[in-house]
């Protein structure tokens, strides 16, 4: 692994990331997102996932908490933030550091 970054989400939401050089994988639903994530998890160190796809996959995403890579982060989509990404980041920092730094 050489520090590769990817994003999984709806076409409009991933366009900005793609323009910034991030490998983009379009997914219209959580089933597609899960399959893409399974395929790319060993190749990428950081994988962004839009909140609309990450939230229904919360239980599936827990498997990535046990290893250093990939780091899977939920980000807002073109529709704005639902607060899910910020909440999961807060929980992860509390678990890792024992305190809420956010």
PDB file of N, CA and C in Angstrom:
ATOM      1  N   UNK A   1       0.830  -1.180   0.000  1.00  0.00           N
ATOM      2  CA  UNK A   1       0.000   0.000   0.000  1.00  0.00           C
ATOM      3  C   UNK A   1       0.879   1.249   0.000  1.00  0.00           C
ATOM      4  N   UNK A   2       0.533   2.181  -0.840  1.00  0.00           N
ATOM      5  CA  UNK A   2       1.349   3.371  -0.959  1.00  0.00           C
ATOM      6  C   UNK A   2       0.594   4.650  -0.621  1.00  0.00           C
ATOM      7  N   UNK A   3      -0.409   4.585   0.202  1.00  0.00           N
ATOM      8  CA  UNK A   3      -1.136   5.766   0.611  1.00  0.00           C
ATOM      9  C   UNK A   3      -2.213   6.188  -0.360  1.00  0.00           C
ATOM     10  N   UNK A   4      -2.784   5.248  -1.058  1.00  0.00           N
ATOM     11  CA  UNK A   4      -3.824   5.574  -2.027  1.00  0.00           C
ATOM     12  C   UNK A   4      -5.131   5.926  -1.324  1.00  0.00           C
ATOM     13  N   UNK A   5      -5.869   6.857  -1.938  1.00  0.00           N
ATOM     14  CA  UNK A   5      -7.130   7.335  -1.384  1.00  0.00           C
ATOM     15  C   UNK A   5      -8.241   7.141  -2.405  1.00  0.00           C
ATOM     16  N   UNK A   6      -9.424   6.758  -1.908  1.00  0.00           N
ATOM     17  CA  UNK A   6     -10.576   6.540  -2.782  1.00  0.00           C
ATOM     18  C   UNK A   6     -11.823   7.121  -2.147  1.00  0.00           C
ATOM     19  N   UNK A   7     -12.849   7.299  -2.971  1.00  0.00           N
ATOM     20  CA  UNK A   7     -14.164   7.695  -2.478  1.00  0.00           C
ATOM     21  C   UNK A   7     -15.211   6.847  -3.172  1.00  0.00           C
ATOM     22  N   UNK A   8     -16.233   6.489  -2.394  1.00  0.00           N
ATOM     23  CA  UNK A   8     -17.381   5.749  -2.913  1.00  0.00           C
ATOM     24  C   UNK A   8     -18.615   6.592  -2.633  1.00  0.00           C
ATOM     25  N   UNK A   9     -19.409   6.842  -3.654  1.00  0.00           N
ATOM     26  CA  UNK A   9     -20.620   7.632  -3.462  1.00  0.00           C
ATOM     27  C   UNK A   9     -21.351   7.865  -4.765  1.00  0.00           C
ATOM     28  N   UNK A  10     -22.413   8.654  -4.686  1.00  0.00           N
ATOM     29  CA  UNK A  10     -23.165   8.951  -5.902  1.00  0.00           C
ATOM     30  C   UNK A  10     -22.315   9.819  -6.825  1.00  0.00           C
ATOM     31  N   UNK A  11     -22.613   9.760  -8.102  1.00  0.00           N
ATOM     32  CA  UNK A  11     -21.801  10.424  -9.121  1.00  0.00           C
ATOM     33  C   UNK A  11     -21.536  11.894  -8.879  1.00  0.00           C
ATOM     34  N   UNK A  12     -22.550  12.646  -8.492  1.00  0.00           N
ATOM     35  CA  UNK A  12     -22.370  14.081  -8.272  1.00  0.00           C
ATOM     36  C   UNK A  12     -21.493  14.370  -7.062  1.00  0.00           C
ATOM     37  N   UNK A  13     -21.618  13.583  -6.028  1.00  0.00           N
ATOM     38  CA  UNK A  13     -20.867  13.817  -4.797  1.00  0.00           C
ATOM     39  C   UNK A  13     -19.388  13.492  -4.936  1.00  0.00           C
ATOM     40  N   UNK A  14     -19.034  12.578  -5.798  1.00  0.00           N
ATOM     41  CA  UNK A  14     -17.635  12.162  -5.913  1.00  0.00           C
ATOM     42  C   UNK A  14     -16.854  12.958  -6.944  1.00  0.00           C
ATOM     43  N   UNK A  15     -17.550  13.792  -7.711  1.00  0.00           N
ATOM     44  CA  UNK A  15     -16.896  14.550  -8.784  1.00  0.00           C
ATOM     45  C   UNK A  15     -15.785  15.448  -8.265  1.00  0.00           C
ATOM     46  N   UNK A  16     -16.014  16.146  -7.174  1.00  0.00           N
ATOM     47  CA  UNK A  16     -15.002  17.051  -6.620  1.00  0.00           C
ATOM     48  C   UNK A  16     -13.768  16.270  -6.185  1.00  0.00           C
ATOM     49  N   UNK A  17     -13.977  15.131  -5.554  1.00  0.00           N
ATOM     50  CA  UNK A  17     -12.852  14.300  -5.130  1.00  0.00           C
ATOM     51  C   UNK A  17     -12.061  13.809  -6.338  1.00  0.00           C
ATOM     52  N   UNK A  18     -12.774  13.415  -7.375  1.00  0.00           N
ATOM     53  CA  UNK A  18     -12.133  12.926  -8.590  1.00  0.00           C
ATOM     54  C   UNK A  18     -11.275  14.023  -9.209  1.00  0.00           C
ATOM     55  N   UNK A  19     -11.785  15.250  -9.212  1.00  0.00           N
ATOM     56  CA  UNK A  19     -11.031  16.382  -9.744  1.00  0.00           C
ATOM     57  C   UNK A  19      -9.758  16.641  -8.939  1.00  0.00           C
ATOM     58  N   UNK A  20      -9.776  16.258  -7.660  1.00  0.00           N
ATOM     59  CA  UNK A  20      -8.614  16.452  -6.786  1.00  0.00           C
ATOM     60  C   UNK A  20      -7.635  15.278  -6.863  1.00  0.00           C
ATOM     61  N   UNK A  21      -7.903  14.310  -7.723  1.00  0.00           N
ATOM     62  CA  UNK A  21      -6.983  13.191  -7.898  1.00  0.00           C
ATOM     63  C   UNK A  21      -7.284  11.969  -7.063  1.00  0.00           C
ATOM     64  N   UNK A  22      -8.417  11.959  -6.385  1.00  0.00           N
ATOM     65  CA  UNK A  22      -8.820  10.802  -5.581  1.00  0.00           C
ATOM     66  C   UNK A  22      -9.514   9.802  -6.511  1.00  0.00           C
ATOM     67  N   UNK A  23      -9.198   8.532  -6.375  1.00  0.00           N
ATOM     68  CA  UNK A  23      -9.862   7.502  -7.173  1.00  0.00           C
ATOM     69  C   UNK A  23     -11.327   7.429  -6.758  1.00  0.00           C
ATOM     70  N   UNK A  24     -12.234   7.578  -7.703  1.00  0.00           N
ATOM     71  CA  UNK A  24     -13.663   7.662  -7.406  1.00  0.00           C
ATOM     72  C   UNK A  24     -14.401   6.439  -7.938  1.00  0.00           C
ATOM     73  N   UNK A  25     -15.288   5.908  -7.102  1.00  0.00           N
ATOM     74  CA  UNK A  25     -16.087   4.737  -7.450  1.00  0.00           C
ATOM     75  C   UNK A  25     -17.558   5.068  -7.224  1.00  0.00           C
ATOM     76  N   UNK A  26     -18.318   5.201  -8.303  1.00  0.00           N
ATOM     77  CA  UNK A  26     -19.742   5.527  -8.145  1.00  0.00           C
ATOM     78  C   UNK A  26     -20.550   4.336  -7.635  1.00  0.00           C
ATOM     79  N   UNK A  27     -21.464   4.620  -6.721  1.00  0.00           N
ATOM     80  CA  UNK A  27     -22.375   3.606  -6.180  1.00  0.00           C
ATOM     81  C   UNK A  27     -23.715   4.272  -5.925  1.00  0.00           C
ATOM     82  N   UNK A  28     -24.780   3.640  -6.394  1.00  0.00           N
ATOM     83  CA  UNK A  28     -26.122   4.191  -6.239  1.00  0.00           C
ATOM     84  C   UNK A  28     -26.839   3.714  -4.990  1.00  0.00           C
ATOM     85  N   UNK A  29     -26.329   2.637  -4.365  1.00  0.00           N
ATOM     86  CA  UNK A  29     -26.998   2.103  -3.179  1.00  0.00           C
ATOM     87  C   UNK A  29     -25.970   1.400  -2.299  1.00  0.00           C
ATOM     88  N   UNK A  30     -26.414   1.020  -1.096  1.00  0.00           N
ATOM     89  CA  UNK A  30     -25.466   0.407  -0.150  1.00  0.00           C
ATOM     90  C   UNK A  30     -24.958  -0.949  -0.605  1.00  0.00           C
ATOM     91  N   UNK A  31     -25.736  -1.691  -1.382  1.00  0.00           N
ATOM     92  CA  UNK A  31     -25.277  -2.983  -1.888  1.00  0.00           C
ATOM     93  C   UNK A  31     -24.078  -2.797  -2.820  1.00  0.00           C
ATOM     94  N   UNK A  32     -24.179  -1.838  -3.730  1.00  0.00           N
ATOM     95  CA  UNK A  32     -23.060  -1.552  -4.624  1.00  0.00           C
ATOM     96  C   UNK A  32     -21.860  -1.042  -3.840  1.00  0.00           C
ATOM     97  N   UNK A  33     -22.108  -0.183  -2.861  1.00  0.00           N
ATOM     98  CA  UNK A  33     -21.022   0.366  -2.052  1.00  0.00           C
ATOM     99  C   UNK A  33     -20.286  -0.739  -1.294  1.00  0.00           C
ATOM    100  N   UNK A  34     -21.036  -1.681  -0.744  1.00  0.00           N
ATOM    101  CA  UNK A  34     -20.430  -2.797  -0.004  1.00  0.00           C
ATOM    102  C   UNK A  34     -19.528  -3.630  -0.917  1.00  0.00           C
ATOM    103  N   UNK A  35     -19.996  -3.919  -2.117  1.00  0.00           N
ATOM    104  CA  UNK A  35     -19.207  -4.719  -3.059  1.00  0.00           C
ATOM    105  C   UNK A  35     -17.936  -3.987  -3.479  1.00  0.00           C
ATOM    106  N   UNK A  36     -18.058  -2.702  -3.759  1.00  0.00           N
ATOM    107  CA  UNK A  36     -16.882  -1.911  -4.132  1.00  0.00           C
ATOM    108  C   UNK A  36     -15.894  -1.877  -2.976  1.00  0.00           C
ATOM    109  N   UNK A  37     -16.392  -1.649  -1.788  1.00  0.00           N
ATOM    110  CA  UNK A  37     -15.537  -1.589  -0.607  1.00  0.00           C
ATOM    111  C   UNK A  37     -14.791  -2.897  -0.399  1.00  0.00           C
ATOM    112  N   UNK A  38     -15.472  -4.003  -0.567  1.00  0.00           N
ATOM    113  CA  UNK A  38     -14.813  -5.312  -0.444  1.00  0.00           C
ATOM    114  C   UNK A  38     -13.672  -5.455  -1.452  1.00  0.00           C
ATOM    115  N   UNK A  39     -13.900  -4.970  -2.668  1.00  0.00           N
ATOM    116  CA  UNK A  39     -12.906  -5.119  -3.736  1.00  0.00           C
ATOM    117  C   UNK A  39     -11.695  -4.219  -3.537  1.00  0.00           C
ATOM    118  N   UNK A  40     -11.892  -3.029  -3.001  1.00  0.00           N
ATOM    119  CA  UNK A  40     -10.787  -2.062  -2.943  1.00  0.00           C
ATOM    120  C   UNK A  40     -10.124  -1.941  -1.574  1.00  0.00           C
ATOM    121  N   UNK A  41     -10.651  -2.596  -0.571  1.00  0.00           N
ATOM    122  CA  UNK A  41     -10.176  -2.412   0.809  1.00  0.00           C
ATOM    123  C   UNK A  41      -8.685  -2.719   0.990  1.00  0.00           C
ATOM    124  N   UNK A  42      -8.161  -3.666   0.257  1.00  0.00           N
ATOM    125  CA  UNK A  42      -6.746  -4.030   0.425  1.00  0.00           C
ATOM    126  C   UNK A  42      -5.803  -3.118  -0.348  1.00  0.00           C
ATOM    127  N   UNK A  43      -6.370  -2.355  -1.274  1.00  0.00           N
ATOM    128  CA  UNK A  43      -5.542  -1.526  -2.149  1.00  0.00           C
ATOM    129  C   UNK A  43      -5.396  -0.080  -1.669  1.00  0.00           C
ATOM    130  N   UNK A  44      -6.343   0.378  -0.860  1.00  0.00           N
ATOM    131  CA  UNK A  44      -6.375   1.789  -0.443  1.00  0.00           C
ATOM    132  C   UNK A  44      -6.184   1.926   1.056  1.00  0.00           C
ATOM    133  N   UNK A  45      -5.517   3.013   1.457  1.00  0.00           N
ATOM    134  CA  UNK A  45      -5.332   3.263   2.879  1.00  0.00           C
ATOM    135  C   UNK A  45      -6.443   4.111   3.463  1.00  0.00           C
ATOM    136  N   UNK A  46      -6.972   5.035   2.676  1.00  0.00           N
ATOM    137  CA  UNK A  46      -8.067   5.896   3.121  1.00  0.00           C
ATOM    138  C   UNK A  46      -9.194   5.781   2.102  1.00  0.00           C
ATOM    139  N   UNK A  47     -10.386   5.473   2.611  1.00  0.00           N
ATOM    140  CA  UNK A  47     -11.558   5.363   1.750  1.00  0.00           C
ATOM    141  C   UNK A  47     -12.656   6.238   2.341  1.00  0.00           C
ATOM    142  N   UNK A  48     -13.071   7.221   1.564  1.00  0.00           N
ATOM    143  CA  UNK A  48     -14.196   8.065   1.948  1.00  0.00           C
ATOM    144  C   UNK A  48     -15.468   7.423   1.414  1.00  0.00           C
ATOM    145  N   UNK A  49     -16.527   7.537   2.177  1.00  0.00           N
ATOM    146  CA  UNK A  49     -17.819   6.955   1.816  1.00  0.00           C
ATOM    147  C   UNK A  49     -18.874   7.995   2.157  1.00  0.00           C
ATOM    148  N   UNK A  50     -19.745   8.315   1.217  1.00  0.00           N
ATOM    149  CA  UNK A  50     -20.754   9.330   1.521  1.00  0.00           C
ATOM    150  C   UNK A  50     -21.656   8.844   2.651  1.00  0.00           C
ATOM    151  N   UNK A  51     -22.131   9.790   3.448  1.00  0.00           N
ATOM    152  CA  UNK A  51     -22.924   9.459   4.633  1.00  0.00           C
ATOM    153  C   UNK A  51     -24.162   8.633   4.307  1.00  0.00           C
ATOM    154  N   UNK A  52     -24.811   8.927   3.189  1.00  0.00           N
ATOM    155  CA  UNK A  52     -26.014   8.167   2.827  1.00  0.00           C
ATOM    156  C   UNK A  52     -25.723   6.693   2.612  1.00  0.00           C
ATOM    157  N   UNK A  53     -24.507   6.369   2.168  1.00  0.00           N
ATOM    158  CA  UNK A  53     -24.124   4.971   1.985  1.00  0.00           C
ATOM    159  C   UNK A  53     -23.507   4.381   3.248  1.00  0.00           C
ATOM    160  N   UNK A  54     -22.795   5.195   4.000  1.00  0.00           N
ATOM    161  CA  UNK A  54     -22.107   4.703   5.197  1.00  0.00           C
ATOM    162  C   UNK A  54     -23.079   4.326   6.309  1.00  0.00           C
ATOM    163  N   UNK A  55     -24.109   5.117   6.490  1.00  0.00           N
ATOM    164  CA  UNK A  55     -25.024   4.877   7.605  1.00  0.00           C
ATOM    165  C   UNK A  55     -25.683   3.504   7.538  1.00  0.00           C
ATOM    166  N   UNK A  56     -26.248   3.080   6.405  1.00  0.00           N
ATOM    167  CA  UNK A  56     -26.843   1.739   6.380  1.00  0.00           C
ATOM    168  C   UNK A  56     -25.806   0.612   6.450  1.00  0.00           C
ATOM    169  N   UNK A  57     -24.536   0.948   6.205  1.00  0.00           N
ATOM    170  CA  UNK A  57     -23.474  -0.057   6.261  1.00  0.00           C
ATOM    171  C   UNK A  57     -22.704  -0.026   7.577  1.00  0.00           C
ATOM    172  N   UNK A  58     -23.242   0.616   8.590  1.00  0.00           N
ATOM    173  CA  UNK A  58     -22.527   0.808   9.858  1.00  0.00           C
ATOM    174  C   UNK A  58     -21.996  -0.501  10.441  1.00  0.00           C
ATOM    175  N   UNK A  59     -22.814  -1.542  10.468  1.00  0.00           N
ATOM    176  CA  UNK A  59     -22.356  -2.820  11.023  1.00  0.00           C
ATOM    177  C   UNK A  59     -21.241  -3.426  10.176  1.00  0.00           C
ATOM    178  N   UNK A  60     -21.360  -3.339   8.871  1.00  0.00           N
ATOM    179  CA  UNK A  60     -20.328  -3.852   7.966  1.00  0.00           C
ATOM    180  C   UNK A  60     -19.026  -3.083   8.148  1.00  0.00           C
ATOM    181  N   UNK A  61     -19.101  -1.783   8.344  1.00  0.00           N
ATOM    182  CA  UNK A  61     -17.912  -0.944   8.464  1.00  0.00           C
ATOM    183  C   UNK A  61     -17.139  -1.194   9.758  1.00  0.00           C
ATOM    184  N   UNK A  62     -17.791  -1.768  10.760  1.00  0.00           N
ATOM    185  CA  UNK A  62     -17.115  -2.043  12.034  1.00  0.00           C
ATOM    186  C   UNK A  62     -15.931  -2.991  11.867  1.00  0.00           C
ATOM    187  N   UNK A  63     -15.966  -3.839  10.860  1.00  0.00           N
ATOM    188  CA  UNK A  63     -14.846  -4.761  10.641  1.00  0.00           C
ATOM    189  C   UNK A  63     -13.545  -4.032  10.343  1.00  0.00           C
ATOM    190  N   UNK A  64     -13.642  -2.817   9.827  1.00  0.00           N
ATOM    191  CA  UNK A  64     -12.438  -2.049   9.505  1.00  0.00           C
ATOM    192  C   UNK A  64     -11.854  -1.356  10.733  1.00  0.00           C
ATOM    193  N   UNK A  65     -12.587  -1.317  11.832  1.00  0.00           N
ATOM    194  CA  UNK A  65     -12.096  -0.699  13.062  1.00  0.00           C
ATOM    195  C   UNK A  65     -10.957  -1.504  13.688  1.00  0.00           C
ATOM    196  N   UNK A  66     -10.873  -2.773  13.379  1.00  0.00           N
ATOM    197  CA  UNK A  66      -9.893  -3.656  14.013  1.00  0.00           C
ATOM    198  C   UNK A  66      -8.507  -3.592  13.384  1.00  0.00           C
ATOM    199  N   UNK A  67      -8.400  -3.008  12.192  1.00  0.00           N
ATOM    200  CA  UNK A  67      -7.100  -2.953  11.532  1.00  0.00           C
ATOM    201  C   UNK A  67      -6.717  -1.493  11.253  1.00  0.00           C
ATOM    202  N   UNK A  68      -5.437  -1.287  11.061  1.00  0.00           N
ATOM    203  CA  UNK A  68      -4.953   0.068  10.821  1.00  0.00           C
ATOM    204  C   UNK A  68      -5.435   0.622   9.483  1.00  0.00           C
ATOM    205  N   UNK A  69      -5.477  -0.233   8.481  1.00  0.00           N
ATOM    206  CA  UNK A  69      -5.892   0.202   7.146  1.00  0.00           C
ATOM    207  C   UNK A  69      -6.869  -0.784   6.554  1.00  0.00           C
ATOM    208  N   UNK A  70      -7.785  -0.311   5.775  1.00  0.00           N
ATOM    209  CA  UNK A  70      -8.018   1.070   5.398  1.00  0.00           C
ATOM    210  C   UNK A  70      -8.788   1.820   6.474  1.00  0.00           C
ATOM    211  N   UNK A  71      -8.598   3.116   6.473  1.00  0.00           N
ATOM    212  CA  UNK A  71      -9.398   3.996   7.316  1.00  0.00           C
ATOM    213  C   UNK A  71     -10.604   4.386   6.464  1.00  0.00           C
ATOM    214  N   UNK A  72     -11.795   4.080   6.948  1.00  0.00           N
ATOM    215  CA  UNK A  72     -13.020   4.400   6.209  1.00  0.00           C
ATOM    216  C   UNK A  72     -13.715   5.550   6.922  1.00  0.00           C
ATOM    217  N   UNK A  73     -13.885   6.654   6.208  1.00  0.00           N
ATOM    218  CA  UNK A  73     -14.470   7.860   6.787  1.00  0.00           C
ATOM    219  C   UNK A  73     -15.725   8.260   6.032  1.00  0.00           C
ATOM    220  N   UNK A  74     -16.771   8.566   6.771  1.00  0.00           N
ATOM    221  CA  UNK A  74     -18.017   9.041   6.166  1.00  0.00           C
ATOM    222  C   UNK A  74     -17.915  10.544   5.948  1.00  0.00           C
ATOM    223  N   UNK A  75     -18.290  10.976   4.741  1.00  0.00           N
ATOM    224  CA  UNK A  75     -18.261  12.395   4.398  1.00  0.00           C
ATOM    225  C   UNK A  75     -19.617  12.819   3.856  1.00  0.00           C
ATOM    226  N   UNK A  76     -19.951  14.099   3.984  1.00  0.00           N
ATOM    227  CA  UNK A  76     -21.234  14.573   3.445  1.00  0.00           C
ATOM    228  C   UNK A  76     -21.288  14.401   1.930  1.00  0.00           C
ATOM    229  N   UNK A  77     -22.483  14.251   1.429  1.00  0.00           N
ATOM    230  CA  UNK A  77     -22.674  14.151  -0.017  1.00  0.00           C
ATOM    231  C   UNK A  77     -23.117  15.501  -0.551  1.00  0.00           C
ATOM    232  N   UNK A  78     -23.515  15.524  -1.791  1.00  0.00           N
ATOM    233  CA  UNK A  78     -24.012  16.759  -2.410  1.00  0.00           C
ATOM    234  C   UNK A  78     -25.250  17.288  -1.684  1.00  0.00           C
ATOM    235  N   UNK A  79     -25.928  16.425  -0.932  1.00  0.00           N
ATOM    236  CA  UNK A  79     -27.140  16.813  -0.216  1.00  0.00           C
ATOM    237  C   UNK A  79     -26.851  17.456   1.133  1.00  0.00           C
ATOM    238  N   UNK A  80     -25.591  17.535   1.515  1.00  0.00           N
ATOM    239  CA  UNK A  80     -25.223  18.115   2.805  1.00  0.00           C
ATOM    240  C   UNK A  80     -24.994  17.046   3.852  1.00  0.00           C
ATOM    241  N   UNK A  81     -24.636  17.484   5.029  1.00  0.00           N
ATOM    242  CA  UNK A  81     -24.310  16.566   6.114  1.00  0.00           C
ATOM    243  C   UNK A  81     -25.545  16.131   6.892  1.00  0.00           C
ATOM    244  N   UNK A  82     -25.536  14.861   7.268  1.00  0.00           N
ATOM    245  CA  UNK A  82     -26.575  14.341   8.154  1.00  0.00           C
ATOM    246  C   UNK A  82     -26.074  14.318   9.596  1.00  0.00           C
ATOM    247  N   UNK A  83     -24.782  14.589   9.781  1.00  0.00           N
ATOM    248  CA  UNK A  83     -24.173  14.536  11.097  1.00  0.00           C
ATOM    249  C   UNK A  83     -23.578  13.177  11.422  1.00  0.00           C
ATOM    250  N   UNK A  84     -23.841  12.186  10.571  1.00  0.00           N
ATOM    251  CA  UNK A  84     -23.373  10.829  10.821  1.00  0.00           C
ATOM    252  C   UNK A  84     -21.843  10.752  10.808  1.00  0.00           C
ATOM    253  N   UNK A  85     -21.212  11.374   9.831  1.00  0.00           N
ATOM    254  CA  UNK A  85     -19.752  11.323   9.730  1.00  0.00           C
ATOM    255  C   UNK A  85     -19.073  11.947  10.932  1.00  0.00           C
ATOM    256  N   UNK A  86     -19.563  13.091  11.364  1.00  0.00           N
ATOM    257  CA  UNK A  86     -18.988  13.764  12.535  1.00  0.00           C
ATOM    258  C   UNK A  86     -19.165  12.921  13.793  1.00  0.00           C
ATOM    259  N   UNK A  87     -20.317  12.295  13.924  1.00  0.00           N
ATOM    260  CA  UNK A  87     -20.587  11.465  15.103  1.00  0.00           C
ATOM    261  C   UNK A  87     -19.671  10.236  15.141  1.00  0.00           C
ATOM    262  N   UNK A  88     -19.463   9.586  14.004  1.00  0.00           N
ATOM    263  CA  UNK A  88     -18.591   8.404  13.986  1.00  0.00           C
ATOM    264  C   UNK A  88     -17.142   8.794  14.253  1.00  0.00           C
ATOM    265  N   UNK A  89     -16.722   9.957  13.748  1.00  0.00           N
ATOM    266  CA  UNK A  89     -15.370  10.427  14.017  1.00  0.00           C
ATOM    267  C   UNK A  89     -15.197  10.738  15.498  1.00  0.00           C
ATOM    268  N   UNK A  90     -16.204  11.339  16.096  1.00  0.00           N
ATOM    269  CA  UNK A  90     -16.181  11.636  17.540  1.00  0.00           C
ATOM    270  C   UNK A  90     -16.064  10.342  18.348  1.00  0.00           C
ATOM    271  N   UNK A  91     -16.861   9.341  18.004  1.00  0.00           N
ATOM    272  CA  UNK A  91     -16.818   8.065  18.718  1.00  0.00           C
ATOM    273  C   UNK A  91     -15.463   7.387  18.572  1.00  0.00           C
ATOM    274  N   UNK A  92     -14.891   7.447  17.361  1.00  0.00           N
ATOM    275  CA  UNK A  92     -13.582   6.822  17.127  1.00  0.00           C
ATOM    276  C   UNK A  92     -12.490   7.519  17.928  1.00  0.00           C
ATOM    277  N   UNK A  93     -12.537   8.845  17.995  1.00  0.00           N
ATOM    278  CA  UNK A  93     -11.515   9.562  18.754  1.00  0.00           C
ATOM    279  C   UNK A  93     -11.657   9.287  20.249  1.00  0.00           C
ATOM    280  N   UNK A  94     -12.890   9.182  20.728  1.00  0.00           N
ATOM    281  CA  UNK A  94     -13.100   8.855  22.143  1.00  0.00           C
ATOM    282  C   UNK A  94     -12.579   7.451  22.455  1.00  0.00           C
ATOM    283  N   UNK A  95     -12.820   6.518  21.541  1.00  0.00           N
ATOM    284  CA  UNK A  95     -12.367   5.146  21.738  1.00  0.00           C
ATOM    285  C   UNK A  95     -10.845   5.068  21.728  1.00  0.00           C
ATOM    286  N   UNK A  96     -10.212   5.819  20.829  1.00  0.00           N
ATOM    287  CA  UNK A  96      -8.760   5.769  20.691  1.00  0.00           C
ATOM    288  C   UNK A  96      -8.042   6.536  21.791  1.00  0.00           C
ATOM    289  N   UNK A  97      -8.590   7.696  22.163  1.00  0.00           N
ATOM    290  CA  UNK A  97      -7.886   8.576  23.097  1.00  0.00           C
ATOM    291  C   UNK A  97      -8.471   8.601  24.494  1.00  0.00           C
ATOM    292  N   UNK A  98      -9.711   8.105  24.609  1.00  0.00           N
ATOM    293  CA  UNK A  98     -10.360   8.111  25.900  1.00  0.00           C
ATOM    294  C   UNK A  98     -10.995   9.434  26.258  1.00  0.00           C
ATOM    295  N   UNK A  99     -11.001  10.361  25.316  1.00  0.00           N
ATOM    296  CA  UNK A  99     -11.572  11.684  25.567  1.00  0.00           C
ATOM    297  C   UNK A  99     -12.101  12.257  24.257  1.00  0.00           C
ATOM    298  N   UNK A 100     -13.126  13.088  24.366  1.00  0.00           N
ATOM    299  CA  UNK A 100     -13.690  13.728  23.179  1.00  0.00           C
ATOM    300  C   UNK A 100     -12.872  14.973  22.847  1.00  0.00           C
ATOM    301  N   UNK A 101     -12.110  14.928  21.761  1.00  0.00           N
ATOM    302  CA  UNK A 101     -11.307  16.093  21.368  1.00  0.00           C
ATOM    303  C   UNK A 101     -12.039  16.983  20.382  1.00  0.00           C
ATOM    304  N   UNK A 102     -13.196  16.514  19.922  1.00  0.00           N
ATOM    305  CA  UNK A 102     -13.949  17.307  18.953  1.00  0.00           C
ATOM    306  C   UNK A 102     -14.987  18.122  19.666  1.00  0.00           C
TER     307      UNK A 102
END
